[in-house]
Amino acid sequence: MSERAHPDDSGFQDHWSIRWRRGFVPWPTVTRSPYRAAFFGRYRWASQYCKDKDVLDIPCGMGWGTSLIKGCRTLHGMDVAQDAIDEATERYGRRIHFQVGDMAKLEFEDENLDVVVCLEGIEHVPEAVGNAFLAESARVLRPQGTLLVSSPHCRTQEHSGNPFHLKEYKPEELTGMLNAHFTIAETMARDVDNLTISYFRAVRR
């Protein structure tokens, strides 16, 4: 099973504990999960570009992140794993259409979507698949359609050591790949632990 964000994963949950003030007064405190904050933050960022749009989220995993994209006209989630799609459909299928699909060959007609969302997914596939995905995104997007991509790289060494990350891109590498098909309209970066997450909003030429 590939790496997936899941609401039941303890790493994505905030944790409450009791501290004692003056030695006898219980004081509830919460330790915020940086991963949960980053996860919700990136889908808030994506949602602002999806209002009244036809949107694809890929890879969607079990659909938690996809469910956080708000205001779409239509919303599709796609993932290569059937078990992930089954869980996504069970949890969120009332308002989102989920389907099995490959990043290298998107099962949509030309110029069929307004927004393609790929948040921390491109590092999970070989570089050749990543390049094919960007070309496919340009194909399925309408003129001036938007691609939203985020991807982490390790600041302290060449690779984070995450076995699910097949290729961790430096920002300049993703910039070069995107420039083959898109005009980059926005970039930003956020740090989580020893990772920097690079964000790109790119517009189809």
N, C-alpha and C. Protein backbone atom coordinates (compact mmCIF):
# COMPACT_ATOMS: atom_id res chain seq x y z
N MET A 1 0.86 -1.19 0.00
CA MET A 1 0.00 0.00 0.00
C MET A 1 0.89 1.24 0.00
N SER A 2 0.55 2.20 -0.83
CA SER A 2 1.34 3.42 -0.89
C SER A 2 1.03 4.32 0.31
N GLU A 3 1.86 5.34 0.49
CA GLU A 3 1.67 6.31 1.57
C GLU A 3 0.41 7.12 1.30
N ARG A 4 -0.48 7.22 2.31
CA ARG A 4 -1.73 7.96 2.14
C ARG A 4 -2.04 8.74 3.41
N ALA A 5 -2.50 9.96 3.23
CA ALA A 5 -3.01 10.72 4.37
C ALA A 5 -4.37 10.16 4.75
N HIS A 6 -4.56 9.90 6.04
CA HIS A 6 -5.79 9.26 6.52
C HIS A 6 -6.22 9.93 7.82
N PRO A 7 -7.48 10.29 7.95
CA PRO A 7 -7.91 11.00 9.16
C PRO A 7 -7.76 10.19 10.44
N ASP A 8 -7.66 8.87 10.35
CA ASP A 8 -7.50 8.04 11.54
C ASP A 8 -6.04 7.83 11.92
N ASP A 9 -5.11 8.32 11.13
CA ASP A 9 -3.68 8.19 11.40
C ASP A 9 -3.30 9.13 12.54
N SER A 10 -2.68 8.61 13.58
CA SER A 10 -2.35 9.44 14.75
C SER A 10 -1.40 10.58 14.40
N GLY A 11 -0.60 10.41 13.35
CA GLY A 11 0.32 11.46 12.95
C GLY A 11 -0.39 12.70 12.43
N PHE A 12 -1.66 12.55 12.04
CA PHE A 12 -2.44 13.68 11.54
C PHE A 12 -3.44 14.19 12.57
N GLN A 13 -3.30 13.76 13.82
CA GLN A 13 -4.24 14.18 14.85
C GLN A 13 -3.56 15.08 15.87
N ASP A 14 -4.31 16.08 16.35
CA ASP A 14 -3.84 16.88 17.47
C ASP A 14 -3.99 16.06 18.76
N HIS A 15 -3.13 16.32 19.73
CA HIS A 15 -3.14 15.52 20.96
C HIS A 15 -3.31 16.41 22.19
N TRP A 16 -4.28 16.02 23.02
CA TRP A 16 -4.57 16.74 24.26
C TRP A 16 -3.86 16.08 25.44
N SER A 17 -3.45 16.92 26.37
CA SER A 17 -2.86 16.41 27.60
C SER A 17 -3.22 17.38 28.73
N ILE A 18 -2.95 16.95 29.95
CA ILE A 18 -3.24 17.77 31.13
C ILE A 18 -1.94 18.23 31.77
N ARG A 19 -1.80 19.54 31.94
CA ARG A 19 -0.70 20.09 32.72
C ARG A 19 -1.28 20.58 34.05
N TRP A 20 -0.45 20.56 35.06
CA TRP A 20 -0.92 20.97 36.40
C TRP A 20 -0.32 22.33 36.75
N ARG A 21 -1.19 23.30 36.93
CA ARG A 21 -0.75 24.63 37.33
C ARG A 21 -0.75 24.72 38.86
N ARG A 22 0.31 25.29 39.38
CA ARG A 22 0.49 25.40 40.83
C ARG A 22 0.46 24.05 41.52
N GLY A 23 0.66 23.03 40.75
CA GLY A 23 0.75 21.69 41.30
C GLY A 23 -0.57 21.00 41.53
N PHE A 24 -1.70 21.70 41.36
CA PHE A 24 -2.98 21.03 41.66
C PHE A 24 -4.13 21.47 40.73
N VAL A 25 -3.94 22.49 39.88
CA VAL A 25 -5.01 22.94 38.98
C VAL A 25 -4.82 22.30 37.61
N PRO A 26 -5.75 21.42 37.18
CA PRO A 26 -5.59 20.79 35.86
C PRO A 26 -5.78 21.82 34.74
N TRP A 27 -4.91 21.77 33.75
CA TRP A 27 -4.95 22.74 32.64
C TRP A 27 -4.80 21.98 31.32
N PRO A 28 -5.91 21.82 30.60
CA PRO A 28 -5.83 21.09 29.32
C PRO A 28 -4.96 21.85 28.31
N THR A 29 -4.08 21.14 27.63
CA THR A 29 -3.26 21.73 26.58
C THR A 29 -3.31 20.83 25.35
N VAL A 30 -3.12 21.45 24.20
CA VAL A 30 -3.16 20.69 22.95
C VAL A 30 -1.83 20.86 22.23
N THR A 31 -1.33 19.74 21.71
CA THR A 31 -0.16 19.75 20.85
C THR A 31 -0.63 19.57 19.42
N ARG A 32 -0.45 20.61 18.62
CA ARG A 32 -0.94 20.58 17.25
C ARG A 32 -0.02 19.75 16.37
N SER A 33 -0.61 18.92 15.53
CA SER A 33 0.17 18.14 14.57
C SER A 33 0.59 19.04 13.41
N PRO A 34 1.89 19.19 13.16
CA PRO A 34 2.31 20.02 12.02
C PRO A 34 1.88 19.42 10.69
N TYR A 35 1.73 18.10 10.66
CA TYR A 35 1.32 17.44 9.41
C TYR A 35 -0.15 17.70 9.11
N ARG A 36 -0.97 17.72 10.16
CA ARG A 36 -2.38 18.04 9.96
C ARG A 36 -2.55 19.49 9.49
N ALA A 37 -1.81 20.39 10.13
CA ALA A 37 -1.90 21.80 9.75
C ALA A 37 -1.46 21.99 8.30
N ALA A 38 -0.37 21.33 7.90
CA ALA A 38 0.10 21.45 6.52
C ALA A 38 -0.89 20.83 5.55
N PHE A 39 -1.49 19.71 5.94
CA PHE A 39 -2.46 19.02 5.08
C PHE A 39 -3.68 19.90 4.82
N PHE A 40 -4.26 20.43 5.87
CA PHE A 40 -5.43 21.30 5.70
C PHE A 40 -5.05 22.58 4.96
N GLY A 41 -3.85 23.08 5.23
CA GLY A 41 -3.42 24.31 4.58
C GLY A 41 -3.32 24.17 3.08
N ARG A 42 -2.79 23.06 2.61
CA ARG A 42 -2.64 22.95 1.16
C ARG A 42 -3.98 22.78 0.45
N TYR A 43 -4.96 22.17 1.11
CA TYR A 43 -6.27 22.06 0.47
C TYR A 43 -7.07 23.36 0.56
N ARG A 44 -6.82 24.16 1.59
CA ARG A 44 -7.40 25.52 1.60
C ARG A 44 -6.83 26.33 0.44
N TRP A 45 -5.53 26.20 0.23
CA TRP A 45 -4.90 26.91 -0.88
C TRP A 45 -5.52 26.48 -2.20
N ALA A 46 -5.70 25.18 -2.41
CA ALA A 46 -6.27 24.70 -3.66
C ALA A 46 -7.72 25.14 -3.85
N SER A 47 -8.50 25.13 -2.78
CA SER A 47 -9.93 25.41 -2.88
C SER A 47 -10.22 26.79 -3.47
N GLN A 48 -9.34 27.75 -3.22
CA GLN A 48 -9.62 29.11 -3.68
C GLN A 48 -9.62 29.20 -5.21
N TYR A 49 -9.04 28.21 -5.89
CA TYR A 49 -8.99 28.23 -7.34
C TYR A 49 -10.01 27.26 -7.97
N CYS A 50 -10.84 26.64 -7.15
CA CYS A 50 -11.74 25.59 -7.63
C CYS A 50 -13.22 25.97 -7.62
N LYS A 51 -13.56 27.14 -7.17
CA LYS A 51 -14.96 27.53 -7.06
C LYS A 51 -15.62 27.54 -8.44
N ASP A 52 -16.74 26.81 -8.54
CA ASP A 52 -17.53 26.73 -9.77
C ASP A 52 -16.74 26.15 -10.94
N LYS A 53 -15.74 25.31 -10.65
CA LYS A 53 -14.90 24.72 -11.68
C LYS A 53 -15.10 23.20 -11.74
N ASP A 54 -14.71 22.62 -12.89
CA ASP A 54 -14.65 21.17 -13.04
C ASP A 54 -13.23 20.75 -12.66
N VAL A 55 -13.12 19.93 -11.61
CA VAL A 55 -11.83 19.72 -10.94
C VAL A 55 -11.51 18.22 -10.85
N LEU A 56 -10.23 17.90 -11.06
CA LEU A 56 -9.69 16.57 -10.80
C LEU A 56 -8.63 16.67 -9.73
N ASP A 57 -8.71 15.80 -8.70
CA ASP A 57 -7.67 15.65 -7.69
C ASP A 57 -7.01 14.30 -7.89
N ILE A 58 -5.68 14.29 -8.12
CA ILE A 58 -4.95 13.06 -8.40
C ILE A 58 -3.53 13.18 -7.85
N PRO A 59 -3.00 12.18 -7.19
CA PRO A 59 -3.67 10.98 -6.70
C PRO A 59 -4.48 11.32 -5.46
N CYS A 60 -5.68 10.78 -5.38
CA CYS A 60 -6.60 11.18 -4.32
C CYS A 60 -6.50 10.31 -3.08
N GLY A 61 -5.75 9.18 -3.14
CA GLY A 61 -5.71 8.28 -1.99
C GLY A 61 -7.11 7.87 -1.61
N MET A 62 -7.39 7.88 -0.29
CA MET A 62 -8.73 7.46 0.15
C MET A 62 -9.70 8.63 0.26
N GLY A 63 -9.35 9.76 -0.36
CA GLY A 63 -10.32 10.82 -0.57
C GLY A 63 -10.43 11.89 0.50
N TRP A 64 -9.65 11.79 1.57
CA TRP A 64 -9.77 12.78 2.65
C TRP A 64 -9.46 14.18 2.13
N GLY A 65 -8.31 14.33 1.46
CA GLY A 65 -7.96 15.64 0.94
C GLY A 65 -8.95 16.12 -0.10
N THR A 66 -9.36 15.23 -1.00
CA THR A 66 -10.33 15.60 -2.03
C THR A 66 -11.59 16.17 -1.40
N SER A 67 -12.02 15.58 -0.28
CA SER A 67 -13.24 16.03 0.38
C SER A 67 -13.12 17.44 0.94
N LEU A 68 -11.89 17.95 1.08
CA LEU A 68 -11.67 19.30 1.61
C LEU A 68 -11.69 20.37 0.53
N ILE A 69 -11.75 19.97 -0.74
CA ILE A 69 -11.83 20.93 -1.83
C ILE A 69 -13.29 21.37 -1.95
N LYS A 70 -13.53 22.64 -1.79
CA LYS A 70 -14.89 23.16 -1.67
C LYS A 70 -15.29 24.00 -2.87
N GLY A 71 -16.60 24.00 -3.14
CA GLY A 71 -17.18 24.94 -4.09
C GLY A 71 -17.08 24.56 -5.55
N CYS A 72 -16.67 23.32 -5.86
CA CYS A 72 -16.51 22.92 -7.26
C CYS A 72 -17.87 22.74 -7.95
N ARG A 73 -17.86 22.88 -9.27
CA ARG A 73 -19.03 22.51 -10.04
C ARG A 73 -19.10 20.98 -10.13
N THR A 74 -18.00 20.35 -10.52
CA THR A 74 -17.86 18.90 -10.46
C THR A 74 -16.50 18.59 -9.86
N LEU A 75 -16.40 17.47 -9.14
CA LEU A 75 -15.16 17.11 -8.47
C LEU A 75 -14.92 15.62 -8.67
N HIS A 76 -13.73 15.30 -9.22
CA HIS A 76 -13.33 13.92 -9.48
C HIS A 76 -12.07 13.62 -8.66
N GLY A 77 -12.00 12.40 -8.14
CA GLY A 77 -10.80 11.92 -7.50
C GLY A 77 -10.31 10.69 -8.24
N MET A 78 -9.00 10.61 -8.47
CA MET A 78 -8.43 9.49 -9.22
C MET A 78 -7.20 8.97 -8.49
N ASP A 79 -7.09 7.64 -8.44
CA ASP A 79 -5.94 7.00 -7.80
C ASP A 79 -5.70 5.66 -8.48
N VAL A 80 -4.45 5.21 -8.46
CA VAL A 80 -4.11 3.95 -9.13
C VAL A 80 -4.58 2.74 -8.34
N ALA A 81 -4.86 2.90 -7.04
CA ALA A 81 -5.16 1.77 -6.16
C ALA A 81 -6.67 1.58 -5.99
N GLN A 82 -7.14 0.39 -6.31
CA GLN A 82 -8.57 0.11 -6.19
C GLN A 82 -9.05 0.19 -4.76
N ASP A 83 -8.24 -0.29 -3.79
CA ASP A 83 -8.69 -0.27 -2.39
C ASP A 83 -8.85 1.17 -1.89
N ALA A 84 -7.98 2.08 -2.36
CA ALA A 84 -8.12 3.48 -1.98
C ALA A 84 -9.40 4.07 -2.55
N ILE A 85 -9.70 3.76 -3.81
CA ILE A 85 -10.91 4.27 -4.45
C ILE A 85 -12.16 3.70 -3.77
N ASP A 86 -12.11 2.45 -3.38
CA ASP A 86 -13.26 1.84 -2.68
C ASP A 86 -13.53 2.57 -1.36
N GLU A 87 -12.47 2.87 -0.60
CA GLU A 87 -12.66 3.57 0.67
C GLU A 87 -13.13 5.00 0.44
N ALA A 88 -12.53 5.66 -0.56
CA ALA A 88 -12.94 7.03 -0.87
C ALA A 88 -14.41 7.09 -1.25
N THR A 89 -14.85 6.15 -2.05
CA THR A 89 -16.25 6.14 -2.49
C THR A 89 -17.18 5.90 -1.31
N GLU A 90 -16.77 5.00 -0.42
CA GLU A 90 -17.60 4.71 0.76
C GLU A 90 -17.71 5.93 1.67
N ARG A 91 -16.61 6.64 1.85
CA ARG A 91 -16.61 7.77 2.78
C ARG A 91 -17.21 9.04 2.17
N TYR A 92 -16.86 9.32 0.91
CA TYR A 92 -17.14 10.65 0.35
C TYR A 92 -17.86 10.61 -1.00
N GLY A 93 -18.31 9.45 -1.41
CA GLY A 93 -18.84 9.28 -2.76
C GLY A 93 -20.17 9.96 -3.03
N ARG A 94 -20.80 10.50 -1.99
CA ARG A 94 -22.10 11.16 -2.23
C ARG A 94 -21.95 12.43 -3.07
N ARG A 95 -20.81 13.10 -2.97
CA ARG A 95 -20.67 14.34 -3.74
C ARG A 95 -19.44 14.36 -4.65
N ILE A 96 -18.63 13.31 -4.60
CA ILE A 96 -17.40 13.26 -5.39
C ILE A 96 -17.40 11.98 -6.21
N HIS A 97 -17.00 12.07 -7.46
CA HIS A 97 -16.88 10.88 -8.30
C HIS A 97 -15.44 10.39 -8.23
N PHE A 98 -15.24 9.16 -7.74
CA PHE A 98 -13.92 8.56 -7.62
C PHE A 98 -13.75 7.46 -8.66
N GLN A 99 -12.54 7.34 -9.22
CA GLN A 99 -12.28 6.30 -10.19
C GLN A 99 -10.81 5.90 -10.16
N VAL A 100 -10.55 4.66 -10.54
CA VAL A 100 -9.18 4.18 -10.68
C VAL A 100 -8.59 4.80 -11.94
N GLY A 101 -7.36 5.27 -11.86
CA GLY A 101 -6.71 5.84 -13.02
C GLY A 101 -5.23 6.06 -12.79
N ASP A 102 -4.51 6.25 -13.87
CA ASP A 102 -3.06 6.37 -13.88
C ASP A 102 -2.66 7.80 -14.18
N MET A 103 -1.70 8.33 -13.44
CA MET A 103 -1.23 9.69 -13.68
C MET A 103 -0.63 9.85 -15.07
N ALA A 104 -0.12 8.77 -15.65
CA ALA A 104 0.51 8.86 -16.97
C ALA A 104 -0.49 8.92 -18.10
N LYS A 105 -1.76 8.59 -17.83
CA LYS A 105 -2.79 8.60 -18.87
C LYS A 105 -4.12 8.92 -18.22
N LEU A 106 -4.49 10.19 -18.23
CA LEU A 106 -5.72 10.62 -17.58
C LEU A 106 -6.93 10.27 -18.44
N GLU A 107 -7.92 9.65 -17.82
CA GLU A 107 -9.09 9.18 -18.56
C GLU A 107 -10.13 10.29 -18.71
N PHE A 108 -9.71 11.37 -19.37
CA PHE A 108 -10.60 12.48 -19.68
C PHE A 108 -10.35 12.91 -21.11
N GLU A 109 -11.38 13.44 -21.74
CA GLU A 109 -11.22 13.97 -23.09
C GLU A 109 -10.42 15.27 -23.07
N ASP A 110 -9.94 15.67 -24.22
CA ASP A 110 -9.19 16.92 -24.33
C ASP A 110 -10.05 18.10 -23.86
N GLU A 111 -9.41 19.03 -23.16
CA GLU A 111 -10.03 20.28 -22.73
C GLU A 111 -11.36 20.04 -22.01
N ASN A 112 -11.32 19.12 -21.03
CA ASN A 112 -12.53 18.70 -20.32
C ASN A 112 -12.61 19.23 -18.89
N LEU A 113 -11.50 19.80 -18.37
CA LEU A 113 -11.43 20.21 -16.98
C LEU A 113 -10.92 21.64 -16.86
N ASP A 114 -11.27 22.28 -15.74
CA ASP A 114 -10.77 23.62 -15.44
C ASP A 114 -9.55 23.61 -14.54
N VAL A 115 -9.50 22.63 -13.62
CA VAL A 115 -8.41 22.59 -12.63
C VAL A 115 -7.98 21.13 -12.43
N VAL A 116 -6.67 20.91 -12.43
CA VAL A 116 -6.10 19.64 -11.99
C VAL A 116 -5.28 19.91 -10.74
N VAL A 117 -5.56 19.14 -9.68
CA VAL A 117 -4.91 19.30 -8.38
C VAL A 117 -4.03 18.07 -8.14
N CYS A 118 -2.76 18.31 -7.83
CA CYS A 118 -1.84 17.21 -7.50
C CYS A 118 -0.97 17.67 -6.34
N LEU A 119 -1.46 17.43 -5.13
CA LEU A 119 -0.80 17.91 -3.93
C LEU A 119 -0.01 16.78 -3.28
N GLU A 120 1.31 16.92 -3.34
CA GLU A 120 2.24 15.94 -2.79
C GLU A 120 1.94 14.55 -3.34
N GLY A 121 1.89 14.49 -4.67
CA GLY A 121 1.67 13.23 -5.37
C GLY A 121 2.73 12.93 -6.40
N ILE A 122 3.29 13.96 -7.04
CA ILE A 122 4.20 13.73 -8.15
C ILE A 122 5.50 13.07 -7.70
N GLU A 123 5.86 13.24 -6.43
CA GLU A 123 7.08 12.60 -5.93
C GLU A 123 6.91 11.10 -5.70
N HIS A 124 5.68 10.60 -5.81
CA HIS A 124 5.40 9.18 -5.57
C HIS A 124 5.48 8.33 -6.84
N VAL A 125 5.77 8.95 -7.98
CA VAL A 125 5.84 8.21 -9.23
C VAL A 125 7.20 8.45 -9.87
N PRO A 126 7.64 7.56 -10.77
CA PRO A 126 8.92 7.79 -11.46
C PRO A 126 8.90 9.10 -12.24
N GLU A 127 10.08 9.65 -12.47
CA GLU A 127 10.18 10.95 -13.14
C GLU A 127 9.52 10.93 -14.52
N ALA A 128 9.65 9.82 -15.25
CA ALA A 128 9.02 9.72 -16.56
C ALA A 128 7.51 9.83 -16.46
N VAL A 129 6.93 9.22 -15.42
CA VAL A 129 5.49 9.32 -15.20
C VAL A 129 5.12 10.75 -14.82
N GLY A 130 5.95 11.40 -14.01
CA GLY A 130 5.70 12.79 -13.65
C GLY A 130 5.65 13.69 -14.87
N ASN A 131 6.58 13.50 -15.79
CA ASN A 131 6.58 14.30 -17.01
C ASN A 131 5.36 14.00 -17.87
N ALA A 132 4.98 12.72 -17.95
CA ALA A 132 3.79 12.35 -18.71
C ALA A 132 2.54 12.96 -18.08
N PHE A 133 2.50 12.99 -16.75
CA PHE A 133 1.35 13.58 -16.05
C PHE A 133 1.20 15.06 -16.38
N LEU A 134 2.28 15.79 -16.41
CA LEU A 134 2.19 17.21 -16.72
C LEU A 134 1.69 17.43 -18.14
N ALA A 135 2.15 16.61 -19.09
CA ALA A 135 1.66 16.71 -20.46
C ALA A 135 0.18 16.35 -20.53
N GLU A 136 -0.23 15.32 -19.80
CA GLU A 136 -1.63 14.91 -19.77
C GLU A 136 -2.50 15.99 -19.13
N SER A 137 -1.99 16.63 -18.09
CA SER A 137 -2.75 17.71 -17.45
C SER A 137 -2.99 18.84 -18.44
N ALA A 138 -1.96 19.21 -19.20
CA ALA A 138 -2.14 20.25 -20.21
C ALA A 138 -3.18 19.83 -21.25
N ARG A 139 -3.20 18.56 -21.59
CA ARG A 139 -4.15 18.08 -22.59
C ARG A 139 -5.59 18.18 -22.11
N VAL A 140 -5.86 17.75 -20.86
CA VAL A 140 -7.24 17.68 -20.39
C VAL A 140 -7.76 19.02 -19.89
N LEU A 141 -6.86 19.98 -19.66
CA LEU A 141 -7.31 21.29 -19.18
C LEU A 141 -7.81 22.14 -20.35
N ARG A 142 -8.83 22.93 -20.06
CA ARG A 142 -9.31 23.91 -21.02
C ARG A 142 -8.27 25.04 -21.15
N PRO A 143 -8.37 25.82 -22.24
CA PRO A 143 -7.46 26.96 -22.36
C PRO A 143 -7.52 27.84 -21.11
N GLN A 144 -6.36 28.21 -20.61
CA GLN A 144 -6.21 28.98 -19.38
C GLN A 144 -6.60 28.19 -18.13
N GLY A 145 -6.72 26.87 -18.27
CA GLY A 145 -6.98 26.03 -17.11
C GLY A 145 -5.79 26.01 -16.17
N THR A 146 -6.03 25.56 -14.94
CA THR A 146 -5.05 25.68 -13.86
C THR A 146 -4.58 24.33 -13.37
N LEU A 147 -3.27 24.18 -13.22
CA LEU A 147 -2.67 23.04 -12.55
C LEU A 147 -2.10 23.49 -11.22
N LEU A 148 -2.50 22.82 -10.13
CA LEU A 148 -2.00 23.11 -8.79
C LEU A 148 -1.15 21.93 -8.33
N VAL A 149 0.12 22.19 -8.06
CA VAL A 149 1.06 21.13 -7.69
C VAL A 149 1.80 21.54 -6.42
N SER A 150 1.94 20.59 -5.51
CA SER A 150 2.87 20.78 -4.40
C SER A 150 3.72 19.53 -4.26
N SER A 151 4.96 19.71 -3.82
CA SER A 151 5.87 18.56 -3.68
C SER A 151 6.98 18.92 -2.71
N PRO A 152 7.40 17.95 -1.86
CA PRO A 152 8.43 18.23 -0.86
C PRO A 152 9.83 17.88 -1.34
N HIS A 153 10.80 18.59 -0.80
CA HIS A 153 12.19 18.14 -0.91
C HIS A 153 12.87 18.37 0.44
N CYS A 154 13.89 17.58 0.69
CA CYS A 154 14.59 17.62 1.98
C CYS A 154 15.65 18.72 1.95
N ARG A 155 15.66 19.55 3.01
CA ARG A 155 16.63 20.64 3.09
C ARG A 155 17.99 20.19 3.61
N THR A 156 18.05 19.08 4.31
CA THR A 156 19.27 18.70 5.02
C THR A 156 20.08 17.61 4.33
N GLN A 157 19.50 16.96 3.35
CA GLN A 157 20.21 15.93 2.61
C GLN A 157 19.54 15.75 1.24
N GLU A 158 20.11 14.90 0.41
CA GLU A 158 19.63 14.76 -0.96
C GLU A 158 18.22 14.21 -1.03
N HIS A 159 17.88 13.32 -0.09
CA HIS A 159 16.55 12.68 -0.09
C HIS A 159 16.12 12.53 1.36
N SER A 160 14.83 12.65 1.60
CA SER A 160 14.32 12.58 2.97
C SER A 160 14.43 11.19 3.59
N GLY A 161 14.57 10.16 2.74
CA GLY A 161 14.56 8.79 3.23
C GLY A 161 13.19 8.15 3.22
N ASN A 162 12.16 8.92 2.87
CA ASN A 162 10.82 8.35 2.76
C ASN A 162 10.80 7.35 1.61
N PRO A 163 10.54 6.06 1.89
CA PRO A 163 10.63 5.05 0.82
C PRO A 163 9.54 5.18 -0.23
N PHE A 164 8.50 5.94 0.06
CA PHE A 164 7.42 6.13 -0.90
C PHE A 164 7.72 7.27 -1.88
N HIS A 165 8.75 8.06 -1.62
CA HIS A 165 9.12 9.16 -2.49
C HIS A 165 10.14 8.67 -3.51
N LEU A 166 9.71 8.45 -4.74
CA LEU A 166 10.60 7.95 -5.77
C LEU A 166 11.50 9.04 -6.33
N LYS A 167 11.03 10.28 -6.32
CA LYS A 167 11.82 11.40 -6.82
C LYS A 167 11.41 12.66 -6.07
N GLU A 168 12.33 13.22 -5.27
CA GLU A 168 12.06 14.47 -4.58
C GLU A 168 12.67 15.62 -5.38
N TYR A 169 11.80 16.51 -5.85
CA TYR A 169 12.21 17.54 -6.79
C TYR A 169 12.65 18.82 -6.07
N LYS A 170 13.77 19.35 -6.48
CA LYS A 170 14.11 20.71 -6.11
C LYS A 170 13.16 21.66 -6.86
N PRO A 171 12.88 22.84 -6.32
CA PRO A 171 11.95 23.77 -6.99
C PRO A 171 12.34 24.07 -8.43
N GLU A 172 13.63 24.22 -8.69
CA GLU A 172 14.06 24.54 -10.05
C GLU A 172 13.80 23.38 -11.02
N GLU A 173 13.80 22.15 -10.51
CA GLU A 173 13.50 21.01 -11.37
C GLU A 173 12.03 21.01 -11.78
N LEU A 174 11.15 21.23 -10.83
CA LEU A 174 9.73 21.29 -11.16
C LEU A 174 9.43 22.49 -12.04
N THR A 175 10.10 23.60 -11.81
CA THR A 175 9.90 24.77 -12.65
C THR A 175 10.21 24.44 -14.11
N GLY A 176 11.32 23.76 -14.36
CA GLY A 176 11.68 23.39 -15.71
C GLY A 176 10.67 22.45 -16.35
N MET A 177 10.18 21.48 -15.59
CA MET A 177 9.19 20.55 -16.11
C MET A 177 7.88 21.25 -16.44
N LEU A 178 7.44 22.13 -15.55
CA LEU A 178 6.18 22.85 -15.77
C LEU A 178 6.26 23.79 -16.96
N ASN A 179 7.41 24.42 -17.15
CA ASN A 179 7.55 25.39 -18.22
C ASN A 179 7.38 24.80 -19.61
N ALA A 180 7.47 23.49 -19.72
CA ALA A 180 7.27 22.85 -21.02
C ALA A 180 5.83 22.95 -21.49
N HIS A 181 4.88 23.12 -20.57
CA HIS A 181 3.46 23.10 -20.92
C HIS A 181 2.66 24.26 -20.36
N PHE A 182 3.19 24.94 -19.35
CA PHE A 182 2.42 25.91 -18.58
C PHE A 182 3.19 27.20 -18.40
N THR A 183 2.45 28.23 -18.03
CA THR A 183 3.03 29.46 -17.52
C THR A 183 2.83 29.47 -16.01
N ILE A 184 3.90 29.60 -15.26
CA ILE A 184 3.81 29.58 -13.80
C ILE A 184 3.30 30.93 -13.31
N ALA A 185 2.18 30.90 -12.59
CA ALA A 185 1.54 32.13 -12.14
C ALA A 185 1.82 32.44 -10.68
N GLU A 186 2.19 31.41 -9.90
CA GLU A 186 2.39 31.62 -8.46
C GLU A 186 3.29 30.52 -7.93
N THR A 187 4.20 30.89 -7.05
CA THR A 187 5.00 29.91 -6.32
C THR A 187 5.06 30.32 -4.86
N MET A 188 5.19 29.34 -3.99
CA MET A 188 5.41 29.62 -2.58
C MET A 188 6.02 28.37 -1.94
N ALA A 189 6.48 28.49 -0.72
CA ALA A 189 7.11 27.38 -0.03
C ALA A 189 6.74 27.41 1.45
N ARG A 190 6.59 26.22 2.03
CA ARG A 190 6.32 26.09 3.45
C ARG A 190 7.21 24.98 4.01
N ASP A 191 7.72 25.18 5.21
CA ASP A 191 8.59 24.19 5.85
C ASP A 191 7.81 23.35 6.84
N VAL A 192 8.05 22.05 6.81
CA VAL A 192 7.53 21.10 7.79
C VAL A 192 8.68 20.17 8.16
N ASP A 193 9.09 20.21 9.43
CA ASP A 193 10.28 19.46 9.86
C ASP A 193 11.45 19.83 8.96
N ASN A 194 12.13 18.82 8.39
CA ASN A 194 13.29 19.11 7.54
C ASN A 194 12.92 19.14 6.06
N LEU A 195 11.62 19.25 5.78
CA LEU A 195 11.15 19.31 4.39
C LEU A 195 10.70 20.72 4.05
N THR A 196 10.92 21.10 2.82
CA THR A 196 10.32 22.31 2.25
C THR A 196 9.32 21.86 1.20
N ILE A 197 8.07 22.30 1.34
CA ILE A 197 7.04 21.97 0.38
C ILE A 197 6.94 23.13 -0.61
N SER A 198 7.19 22.84 -1.87
CA SER A 198 7.08 23.85 -2.93
C SER A 198 5.70 23.77 -3.56
N TYR A 199 5.08 24.93 -3.73
CA TYR A 199 3.74 25.03 -4.32
C TYR A 199 3.83 25.81 -5.63
N PHE A 200 3.12 25.32 -6.64
CA PHE A 200 3.06 25.97 -7.94
C PHE A 200 1.62 26.07 -8.41
N ARG A 201 1.23 27.25 -8.86
CA ARG A 201 0.00 27.42 -9.62
C ARG A 201 0.41 27.76 -11.04
N ALA A 202 0.04 26.86 -11.96
CA ALA A 202 0.48 27.00 -13.34
C ALA A 202 -0.74 27.05 -14.25
N VAL A 203 -0.66 27.87 -15.28
CA VAL A 203 -1.78 28.09 -16.20
C VAL A 203 -1.43 27.51 -17.55
N ARG A 204 -2.36 26.74 -18.11
CA ARG A 204 -2.12 26.16 -19.43
C ARG A 204 -2.00 27.24 -20.48
N ARG A 205 -0.99 27.11 -21.31
CA ARG A 205 -0.80 28.09 -22.38
C ARG A 205 -1.88 27.93 -23.45
